[in-house]
């Protein structure tokens, strides 16, 4: 069937009128206005707090906000009401399906915080094109910074997403970071804890040996399991702590002084 130019023009106009806008593919690796290197931006925000008004590091610690946006709004509001918080740690699974818009929904709510905040990559963040999106939005999958003498080591422990091929977590990167003689203490931050089946089983013992190899390592913070845990998994000096998923209204506030961490569990519905 042939169609003259006038009829074609009318047909196209009708089709366009039927759609208010063209929607981007859910598999796009970016959305309009997506910021870049958010973790580095928050490092800069944290750095300008020097000189420090005290020698205690206060951290709000939670994770797995995927799909729980109303709950996220509640915890952000609650965190903003807590005096003296230095930083907020989001322990992975920002997205559920690795989609750009999922990352942006969480980012927009986290930006309401009145303190610097940092995200570590979760296993769901690596779905679809999630690894590319995470790195554009937040920056490298491994990064570190030192604050008040504590060096934070954010890293990828989502071994199953790499077919448990022995490369993740990157123990060489951890060893290089821990060779730093300047920090007083180390705090590791990752999504999957070593006592979860999604951690590469071949690296469970080497990972614990690496973190435990330096007495300055005091904490290893994780998400993923969905419920809170606090234990010395390897029987050494390193305290492994898992936060609740954000759908659970209880979250952790850590106050760390002279290398000793005290824990307060709060409810964002109170």
C-alpha atoms as a PDB file:
ATOM      1  CA  UNK A   1       0.000   0.000   0.000  1.00  0.00           C
ATOM      2  CA  UNK A   2       1.318   3.454  -0.923  1.00  0.00           C
ATOM      3  CA  UNK A   3       0.764   6.657   1.037  1.00  0.00           C
ATOM      4  CA  UNK A   4       1.095  10.218  -0.272  1.00  0.00           C
ATOM      5  CA  UNK A   5       3.085  12.886   1.625  1.00  0.00           C
ATOM      6  CA  UNK A   6      -0.001  14.580   3.060  1.00  0.00           C
ATOM      7  CA  UNK A   7      -1.396  11.332   4.464  1.00  0.00           C
ATOM      8  CA  UNK A   8       2.007  10.397   5.883  1.00  0.00           C
ATOM      9  CA  UNK A   9       2.288  13.773   7.588  1.00  0.00           C
ATOM     10  CA  UNK A  10      -1.168  13.399   9.139  1.00  0.00           C
ATOM     11  CA  UNK A  11      -0.350   9.873  10.331  1.00  0.00           C
ATOM     12  CA  UNK A  12       2.926  10.940  11.975  1.00  0.00           C
ATOM     13  CA  UNK A  13       1.237  13.903  13.650  1.00  0.00           C
ATOM     14  CA  UNK A  14      -1.446  11.632  15.077  1.00  0.00           C
ATOM     15  CA  UNK A  15       1.120   9.189  16.376  1.00  0.00           C
ATOM     16  CA  UNK A  16       3.144  11.928  18.062  1.00  0.00           C
ATOM     17  CA  UNK A  17       0.046  13.477  19.550  1.00  0.00           C
ATOM     18  CA  UNK A  18      -0.763  10.161  21.183  1.00  0.00           C
ATOM     19  CA  UNK A  19       2.452  10.270  23.217  1.00  0.00           C
ATOM     20  CA  UNK A  20       3.258  13.139  25.558  1.00  0.00           C
ATOM     21  CA  UNK A  21       6.957  12.258  25.307  1.00  0.00           C
ATOM     22  CA  UNK A  22       9.279   9.482  24.239  1.00  0.00           C
ATOM     23  CA  UNK A  23      10.375   7.372  27.205  1.00  0.00           C
ATOM     24  CA  UNK A  24      14.039   6.383  27.525  1.00  0.00           C
ATOM     25  CA  UNK A  25      14.802   2.688  27.537  1.00  0.00           C
ATOM     26  CA  UNK A  26      14.936   1.210  31.054  1.00  0.00           C
ATOM     27  CA  UNK A  27      18.268  -0.300  29.988  1.00  0.00           C
ATOM     28  CA  UNK A  28      19.865   3.076  29.340  1.00  0.00           C
ATOM     29  CA  UNK A  29      23.109   3.630  31.230  1.00  0.00           C
ATOM     30  CA  UNK A  30      22.266   7.207  32.158  1.00  0.00           C
ATOM     31  CA  UNK A  31      19.314   9.523  32.573  1.00  0.00           C
ATOM     32  CA  UNK A  32      19.144  13.274  31.909  1.00  0.00           C
ATOM     33  CA  UNK A  33      20.771  15.197  34.713  1.00  0.00           C
ATOM     34  CA  UNK A  34      22.545  12.199  36.246  1.00  0.00           C
ATOM     35  CA  UNK A  35      25.399  13.515  38.406  1.00  0.00           C
ATOM     36  CA  UNK A  36      28.858  11.988  38.421  1.00  0.00           C
ATOM     37  CA  UNK A  37      31.338  10.751  41.044  1.00  0.00           C
ATOM     38  CA  UNK A  38      29.013  11.339  43.996  1.00  0.00           C
ATOM     39  CA  UNK A  39      31.305   9.521  46.426  1.00  0.00           C
ATOM     40  CA  UNK A  40      34.182  11.854  45.513  1.00  0.00           C
ATOM     41  CA  UNK A  41      31.895  14.873  45.936  1.00  0.00           C
ATOM     42  CA  UNK A  42      31.059  13.699  49.443  1.00  0.00           C
ATOM     43  CA  UNK A  43      34.727  13.083  50.236  1.00  0.00           C
ATOM     44  CA  UNK A  44      35.297  16.762  49.487  1.00  0.00           C
ATOM     45  CA  UNK A  45      32.358  17.691  51.720  1.00  0.00           C
ATOM     46  CA  UNK A  46      33.841  15.612  54.515  1.00  0.00           C
ATOM     47  CA  UNK A  47      37.321  17.100  54.094  1.00  0.00           C
ATOM     48  CA  UNK A  48      36.157  20.670  54.710  1.00  0.00           C
ATOM     49  CA  UNK A  49      35.015  19.682  58.197  1.00  0.00           C
ATOM     50  CA  UNK A  50      38.634  19.914  59.348  1.00  0.00           C
ATOM     51  CA  UNK A  51      39.767  21.110  61.832  1.00  0.00           C
ATOM     52  CA  UNK A  52      37.581  18.728  63.802  1.00  0.00           C
ATOM     53  CA  UNK A  53      35.468  19.820  66.738  1.00  0.00           C
ATOM     54  CA  UNK A  54      35.867  16.390  68.404  1.00  0.00           C
ATOM     55  CA  UNK A  55      37.694  13.095  67.959  1.00  0.00           C
ATOM     56  CA  UNK A  56      34.600  10.888  67.689  1.00  0.00           C
ATOM     57  CA  UNK A  57      33.308   9.600  64.351  1.00  0.00           C
ATOM     58  CA  UNK A  58      29.523   9.255  64.280  1.00  0.00           C
ATOM     59  CA  UNK A  59      28.071   7.167  61.458  1.00  0.00           C
ATOM     60  CA  UNK A  60      24.518   6.358  60.399  1.00  0.00           C
ATOM     61  CA  UNK A  61      24.700   2.875  58.890  1.00  0.00           C
ATOM     62  CA  UNK A  62      21.998   1.147  56.826  1.00  0.00           C
ATOM     63  CA  UNK A  63      21.547  -0.374  53.383  1.00  0.00           C
ATOM     64  CA  UNK A  64      19.463  -2.146  50.742  1.00  0.00           C
ATOM     65  CA  UNK A  65      17.083   0.725  49.944  1.00  0.00           C
ATOM     66  CA  UNK A  66      16.007  -0.973  46.704  1.00  0.00           C
ATOM     67  CA  UNK A  67      12.314  -0.214  45.999  1.00  0.00           C
ATOM     68  CA  UNK A  68      11.660   1.062  49.540  1.00  0.00           C
ATOM     69  CA  UNK A  69      11.473   4.764  48.740  1.00  0.00           C
ATOM     70  CA  UNK A  70       9.015   5.858  51.428  1.00  0.00           C
ATOM     71  CA  UNK A  71      11.109   4.062  54.028  1.00  0.00           C
ATOM     72  CA  UNK A  72      14.184   5.791  52.667  1.00  0.00           C
ATOM     73  CA  UNK A  73      12.537   9.182  53.087  1.00  0.00           C
ATOM     74  CA  UNK A  74      11.759   8.329  56.705  1.00  0.00           C
ATOM     75  CA  UNK A  75      15.314   7.264  57.533  1.00  0.00           C
ATOM     76  CA  UNK A  76      16.785  10.347  55.854  1.00  0.00           C
ATOM     77  CA  UNK A  77      14.542  12.569  57.949  1.00  0.00           C
ATOM     78  CA  UNK A  78      15.465  10.654  61.103  1.00  0.00           C
ATOM     79  CA  UNK A  79      19.203  10.842  60.330  1.00  0.00           C
ATOM     80  CA  UNK A  80      18.931  14.593  59.850  1.00  0.00           C
ATOM     81  CA  UNK A  81      17.494  14.884  63.364  1.00  0.00           C
ATOM     82  CA  UNK A  82      20.500  13.198  65.014  1.00  0.00           C
ATOM     83  CA  UNK A  83      23.075  15.742  66.234  1.00  0.00           C
ATOM     84  CA  UNK A  84      26.732  15.421  65.373  1.00  0.00           C
ATOM     85  CA  UNK A  85      26.590  12.827  62.582  1.00  0.00           C
ATOM     86  CA  UNK A  86      29.775  12.864  60.510  1.00  0.00           C
ATOM     87  CA  UNK A  87      28.695  10.620  57.639  1.00  0.00           C
ATOM     88  CA  UNK A  88      26.037   8.230  56.379  1.00  0.00           C
ATOM     89  CA  UNK A  89      27.016   4.824  54.937  1.00  0.00           C
ATOM     90  CA  UNK A  90      24.683   3.123  52.461  1.00  0.00           C
ATOM     91  CA  UNK A  91      25.719  -0.533  52.328  1.00  0.00           C
ATOM     92  CA  UNK A  92      24.746  -1.395  48.748  1.00  0.00           C
ATOM     93  CA  UNK A  93      21.787  -2.565  46.679  1.00  0.00           C
ATOM     94  CA  UNK A  94      20.757   0.921  45.691  1.00  0.00           C
ATOM     95  CA  UNK A  95      18.953  -0.591  42.697  1.00  0.00           C
ATOM     96  CA  UNK A  96      17.015  -3.823  42.374  1.00  0.00           C
ATOM     97  CA  UNK A  97      17.374  -4.463  38.644  1.00  0.00           C
ATOM     98  CA  UNK A  98      20.437  -2.308  37.901  1.00  0.00           C
ATOM     99  CA  UNK A  99      18.362   0.356  36.118  1.00  0.00           C
ATOM    100  CA  UNK A 100      19.468   3.990  35.885  1.00  0.00           C
ATOM    101  CA  UNK A 101      16.168   5.374  37.124  1.00  0.00           C
ATOM    102  CA  UNK A 102      16.331   3.183  40.233  1.00  0.00           C
ATOM    103  CA  UNK A 103      19.713   4.670  41.093  1.00  0.00           C
ATOM    104  CA  UNK A 104      18.370   8.170  40.560  1.00  0.00           C
ATOM    105  CA  UNK A 105      15.326   7.643  42.781  1.00  0.00           C
ATOM    106  CA  UNK A 106      17.607   6.673  45.659  1.00  0.00           C
ATOM    107  CA  UNK A 107      20.150   9.395  44.892  1.00  0.00           C
ATOM    108  CA  UNK A 108      17.492  12.126  44.920  1.00  0.00           C
ATOM    109  CA  UNK A 109      16.331  11.092  48.384  1.00  0.00           C
ATOM    110  CA  UNK A 110      19.844  10.674  49.780  1.00  0.00           C
ATOM    111  CA  UNK A 111      20.680  14.191  48.664  1.00  0.00           C
ATOM    112  CA  UNK A 112      18.241  15.463  51.305  1.00  0.00           C
ATOM    113  CA  UNK A 113      20.746  14.433  53.986  1.00  0.00           C
ATOM    114  CA  UNK A 114      22.525  17.245  55.785  1.00  0.00           C
ATOM    115  CA  UNK A 115      25.735  15.185  56.104  1.00  0.00           C
ATOM    116  CA  UNK A 116      28.096  13.576  53.558  1.00  0.00           C
ATOM    117  CA  UNK A 117      27.017  10.110  52.448  1.00  0.00           C
ATOM    118  CA  UNK A 118      28.745   7.219  50.711  1.00  0.00           C
ATOM    119  CA  UNK A 119      27.494   4.193  48.781  1.00  0.00           C
ATOM    120  CA  UNK A 120      29.183   0.835  48.272  1.00  0.00           C
ATOM    121  CA  UNK A 121      28.221  -1.424  45.374  1.00  0.00           C
ATOM    122  CA  UNK A 122      25.735  -4.246  46.014  1.00  0.00           C
ATOM    123  CA  UNK A 123      25.029  -7.392  44.036  1.00  0.00           C
ATOM    124  CA  UNK A 124      21.763  -6.022  42.625  1.00  0.00           C
ATOM    125  CA  UNK A 125      23.605  -2.880  41.537  1.00  0.00           C
ATOM    126  CA  UNK A 126      25.582  -5.079  39.134  1.00  0.00           C
ATOM    127  CA  UNK A 127      22.503  -6.389  37.287  1.00  0.00           C
ATOM    128  CA  UNK A 128      21.956  -5.423  33.622  1.00  0.00           C
ATOM    129  CA  UNK A 129      24.066  -2.284  32.978  1.00  0.00           C
ATOM    130  CA  UNK A 130      24.255  -1.491  36.681  1.00  0.00           C
ATOM    131  CA  UNK A 131      28.043  -1.645  36.956  1.00  0.00           C
ATOM    132  CA  UNK A 132      28.407   1.098  34.343  1.00  0.00           C
ATOM    133  CA  UNK A 133      25.682   3.190  35.936  1.00  0.00           C
ATOM    134  CA  UNK A 134      27.095   2.813  39.451  1.00  0.00           C
ATOM    135  CA  UNK A 135      30.543   3.883  38.298  1.00  0.00           C
ATOM    136  CA  UNK A 136      29.194   6.916  36.464  1.00  0.00           C
ATOM    137  CA  UNK A 137      27.014   8.004  39.360  1.00  0.00           C
ATOM    138  CA  UNK A 138      29.211   7.092  42.328  1.00  0.00           C
ATOM    139  CA  UNK A 139      32.701   6.453  40.925  1.00  0.00           C
ATOM    140  CA  UNK A 140      35.047   3.453  41.268  1.00  0.00           C
ATOM    141  CA  UNK A 141      33.827   0.217  42.838  1.00  0.00           C
ATOM    142  CA  UNK A 142      36.797   0.406  45.229  1.00  0.00           C
ATOM    143  CA  UNK A 143      37.746   3.650  46.936  1.00  0.00           C
ATOM    144  CA  UNK A 144      39.100   4.856  50.239  1.00  0.00           C
ATOM    145  CA  UNK A 145      39.449   7.988  52.318  1.00  0.00           C
ATOM    146  CA  UNK A 146      40.796   8.886  55.738  1.00  0.00           C
ATOM    147  CA  UNK A 147      38.824  10.921  58.252  1.00  0.00           C
ATOM    148  CA  UNK A 148      39.818  11.691  61.843  1.00  0.00           C
ATOM    149  CA  UNK A 149      42.530   9.033  61.620  1.00  0.00           C
ATOM    150  CA  UNK A 150      40.169   6.294  60.370  1.00  0.00           C
ATOM    151  CA  UNK A 151      40.721   4.946  56.867  1.00  0.00           C
ATOM    152  CA  UNK A 152      37.517   3.696  55.244  1.00  0.00           C
ATOM    153  CA  UNK A 153      37.954   0.927  52.656  1.00  0.00           C
ATOM    154  CA  UNK A 154      34.889   0.672  50.389  1.00  0.00           C
ATOM    155  CA  UNK A 155      35.106  -2.379  48.128  1.00  0.00           C
ATOM    156  CA  UNK A 156      33.204  -4.933  46.068  1.00  0.00           C
ATOM    157  CA  UNK A 157      32.538  -8.327  47.699  1.00  0.00           C
ATOM    158  CA  UNK A 158      29.803  -9.525  45.325  1.00  0.00           C
ATOM    159  CA  UNK A 159      31.689 -12.658  44.288  1.00  0.00           C
ATOM    160  CA  UNK A 160      28.715 -14.518  42.834  1.00  0.00           C
ATOM    161  CA  UNK A 161      28.195 -11.750  40.266  1.00  0.00           C
ATOM    162  CA  UNK A 162      31.659 -12.628  38.910  1.00  0.00           C
ATOM    163  CA  UNK A 163      30.935 -16.393  38.838  1.00  0.00           C
ATOM    164  CA  UNK A 164      33.103 -16.812  41.964  1.00  0.00           C
ATOM    165  CA  UNK A 165      36.178 -16.572  39.736  1.00  0.00           C
ATOM    166  CA  UNK A 166      38.570 -15.654  42.532  1.00  0.00           C
ATOM    167  CA  UNK A 167      38.915 -11.968  41.616  1.00  0.00           C
ATOM    168  CA  UNK A 168      36.350 -10.348  43.930  1.00  0.00           C
ATOM    169  CA  UNK A 169      36.976  -9.135  46.553  1.00  0.00           C
ATOM    170  CA  UNK A 170      40.231  -7.710  45.257  1.00  0.00           C
ATOM    171  CA  UNK A 171      42.579  -8.764  48.015  1.00  0.00           C
ATOM    172  CA  UNK A 172      45.532  -7.063  46.341  1.00  0.00           C
ATOM    173  CA  UNK A 173      43.743  -3.722  46.506  1.00  0.00           C
ATOM    174  CA  UNK A 174      42.962  -4.258  50.187  1.00  0.00           C
ATOM    175  CA  UNK A 175      46.580  -5.155  50.902  1.00  0.00           C
ATOM    176  CA  UNK A 176      47.802  -2.013  49.149  1.00  0.00           C
ATOM    177  CA  UNK A 177      45.379   0.163  51.097  1.00  0.00           C
ATOM    178  CA  UNK A 178      46.302  -1.448  54.390  1.00  0.00           C
ATOM    179  CA  UNK A 179      50.009  -0.904  53.738  1.00  0.00           C
ATOM    180  CA  UNK A 180      49.321   2.763  54.511  1.00  0.00           C
ATOM    181  CA  UNK A 181      51.166   3.575  57.743  1.00  0.00           C
ATOM    182  CA  UNK A 182      49.414   6.889  58.396  1.00  0.00           C
ATOM    183  CA  UNK A 183      45.883   5.889  59.585  1.00  0.00           C
ATOM    184  CA  UNK A 184      45.294   4.951  63.195  1.00  0.00           C
ATOM    185  CA  UNK A 185      42.556   2.481  62.263  1.00  0.00           C
ATOM    186  CA  UNK A 186      40.886   0.785  59.282  1.00  0.00           C
ATOM    187  CA  UNK A 187      37.135   0.365  58.693  1.00  0.00           C
ATOM    188  CA  UNK A 188      36.170  -1.952  55.827  1.00  0.00           C
ATOM    189  CA  UNK A 189      32.845  -1.394  54.046  1.00  0.00           C
ATOM    190  CA  UNK A 190      31.270  -3.794  51.540  1.00  0.00           C
ATOM    191  CA  UNK A 191      27.906  -5.307  50.681  1.00  0.00           C
ATOM    192  CA  UNK A 192      28.136  -9.104  50.988  1.00  0.00           C
ATOM    193  CA  UNK A 193      29.648 -10.317  54.285  1.00  0.00           C
ATOM    194  CA  UNK A 194      32.059 -13.261  54.201  1.00  0.00           C
ATOM    195  CA  UNK A 195      29.533 -15.461  56.015  1.00  0.00           C
ATOM    196  CA  UNK A 196      27.003 -15.266  53.163  1.00  0.00           C
ATOM    197  CA  UNK A 197      26.754 -17.694  50.245  1.00  0.00           C
ATOM    198  CA  UNK A 198      27.086 -14.875  47.695  1.00  0.00           C
ATOM    199  CA  UNK A 199      30.671 -14.276  48.855  1.00  0.00           C
ATOM    200  CA  UNK A 200      33.256 -16.186  46.800  1.00  0.00           C
ATOM    201  CA  UNK A 201      33.848 -19.270  49.009  1.00  0.00           C
ATOM    202  CA  UNK A 202      37.470 -19.610  47.920  1.00  0.00           C
ATOM    203  CA  UNK A 203      38.209 -16.150  49.308  1.00  0.00           C
ATOM    204  CA  UNK A 204      36.415 -16.384  52.652  1.00  0.00           C
ATOM    205  CA  UNK A 205      39.527 -17.338  54.622  1.00  0.00           C
ATOM    206  CA  UNK A 206      42.023 -15.170  52.702  1.00  0.00           C
ATOM    207  CA  UNK A 207      39.685 -12.190  53.143  1.00  0.00           C
ATOM    208  CA  UNK A 208      39.493 -12.654  56.884  1.00  0.00           C
ATOM    209  CA  UNK A 209      43.242 -13.123  57.045  1.00  0.00           C
ATOM    210  CA  UNK A 210      43.810  -9.888  55.148  1.00  0.00           C
ATOM    211  CA  UNK A 211      41.527  -7.776  57.319  1.00  0.00           C
ATOM    212  CA  UNK A 212      42.796  -9.448  60.470  1.00  0.00           C
ATOM    213  CA  UNK A 213      46.449  -9.080  59.495  1.00  0.00           C
ATOM    214  CA  UNK A 214      46.611  -5.554  60.912  1.00  0.00           C
ATOM    215  CA  UNK A 215      45.498  -4.771  64.468  1.00  0.00           C
ATOM    216  CA  UNK A 216      44.334  -1.385  63.242  1.00  0.00           C
ATOM    217  CA  UNK A 217      41.333  -2.981  61.491  1.00  0.00           C
ATOM    218  CA  UNK A 218      38.419  -2.521  63.892  1.00  0.00           C
ATOM    219  CA  UNK A 219      35.235  -2.897  61.830  1.00  0.00           C
ATOM    220  CA  UNK A 220      33.919  -4.549  58.692  1.00  0.00           C
ATOM    221  CA  UNK A 221      30.500  -3.157  57.738  1.00  0.00           C
ATOM    222  CA  UNK A 222      28.055  -4.966  55.423  1.00  0.00           C
ATOM    223  CA  UNK A 223      24.491  -5.158  54.116  1.00  0.00           C
ATOM    224  CA  UNK A 224      22.831  -7.845  51.977  1.00  0.00           C
ATOM    225  CA  UNK A 225      21.611 -10.280  54.667  1.00  0.00           C
ATOM    226  CA  UNK A 226      18.513  -8.209  55.421  1.00  0.00           C
ATOM    227  CA  UNK A 227      18.831  -8.388  59.210  1.00  0.00           C
ATOM    228  CA  UNK A 228      21.236  -6.989  61.769  1.00  0.00           C
ATOM    229  CA  UNK A 229      24.245  -8.956  63.003  1.00  0.00           C
ATOM    230  CA  UNK A 230      27.220  -7.996  65.147  1.00  0.00           C
ATOM    231  CA  UNK A 231      29.976 -10.569  65.710  1.00  0.00           C
ATOM    232  CA  UNK A 232      33.668 -11.428  65.589  1.00  0.00           C
ATOM    233  CA  UNK A 233      33.288 -13.882  62.713  1.00  0.00           C
ATOM    234  CA  UNK A 234      36.896 -15.031  62.540  1.00  0.00           C
ATOM    235  CA  UNK A 235      37.466 -14.931  66.287  1.00  0.00           C
ATOM    236  CA  UNK A 236      39.988 -12.116  65.993  1.00  0.00           C
ATOM    237  CA  UNK A 237      39.906  -8.388  66.743  1.00  0.00           C
ATOM    238  CA  UNK A 238      37.799  -7.431  63.690  1.00  0.00           C
ATOM    239  CA  UNK A 239      34.133  -6.780  64.459  1.00  0.00           C
ATOM    240  CA  UNK A 240      31.804  -7.707  61.577  1.00  0.00           C
ATOM    241  CA  UNK A 241      28.528  -5.825  61.513  1.00  0.00           C
ATOM    242  CA  UNK A 242      25.576  -6.227  59.130  1.00  0.00           C
ATOM    243  CA  UNK A 243      22.841  -3.604  58.917  1.00  0.00           C
ATOM    244  CA  UNK A 244      19.149  -4.201  58.423  1.00  0.00           C
ATOM    245  CA  UNK A 245      17.631  -3.743  55.006  1.00  0.00           C
ATOM    246  CA  UNK A 246      15.967  -0.350  54.835  1.00  0.00           C
ATOM    247  CA  UNK A 247      12.495  -1.908  54.832  1.00  0.00           C
ATOM    248  CA  UNK A 248      13.195  -2.761  58.482  1.00  0.00           C
ATOM    249  CA  UNK A 249      12.782   0.497  60.450  1.00  0.00           C
ATOM    250  CA  UNK A 250      15.738  -0.201  62.733  1.00  0.00           C
ATOM    251  CA  UNK A 251      19.104   1.229  61.748  1.00  0.00           C
ATOM    252  CA  UNK A 252      22.483   1.603  63.420  1.00  0.00           C
ATOM    253  CA  UNK A 253      24.303   4.666  64.704  1.00  0.00           C
ATOM    254  CA  UNK A 254      27.986   4.014  65.382  1.00  0.00           C
ATOM    255  CA  UNK A 255      30.093   6.292  67.550  1.00  0.00           C
ATOM    256  CA  UNK A 256      33.786   5.502  67.315  1.00  0.00           C
ATOM    257  CA  UNK A 257      36.292   6.972  69.753  1.00  0.00           C
ATOM    258  CA  UNK A 258      39.929   5.935  70.205  1.00  0.00           C
ATOM    259  CA  UNK A 259      39.318   2.870  68.041  1.00  0.00           C
ATOM    260  CA  UNK A 260      36.365   1.641  70.102  1.00  0.00           C
ATOM    261  CA  UNK A 261      32.911   1.535  68.496  1.00  0.00           C
ATOM    262  CA  UNK A 262      29.694   1.870  70.463  1.00  0.00           C
ATOM    263  CA  UNK A 263      26.411   0.980  68.785  1.00  0.00           C
ATOM    264  CA  UNK A 264      22.960   2.498  69.099  1.00  0.00           C
ATOM    265  CA  UNK A 265      19.980   0.932  67.326  1.00  0.00           C
ATOM    266  CA  UNK A 266      17.273   3.458  66.421  1.00  0.00           C
ATOM    267  CA  UNK A 267      13.869   3.187  64.767  1.00  0.00           C
ATOM    268  CA  UNK A 268      13.049   5.652  62.014  1.00  0.00           C
ATOM    269  CA  UNK A 269       9.323   5.398  62.811  1.00  0.00           C
ATOM    270  CA  UNK A 270       9.778   6.729  66.368  1.00  0.00           C
END
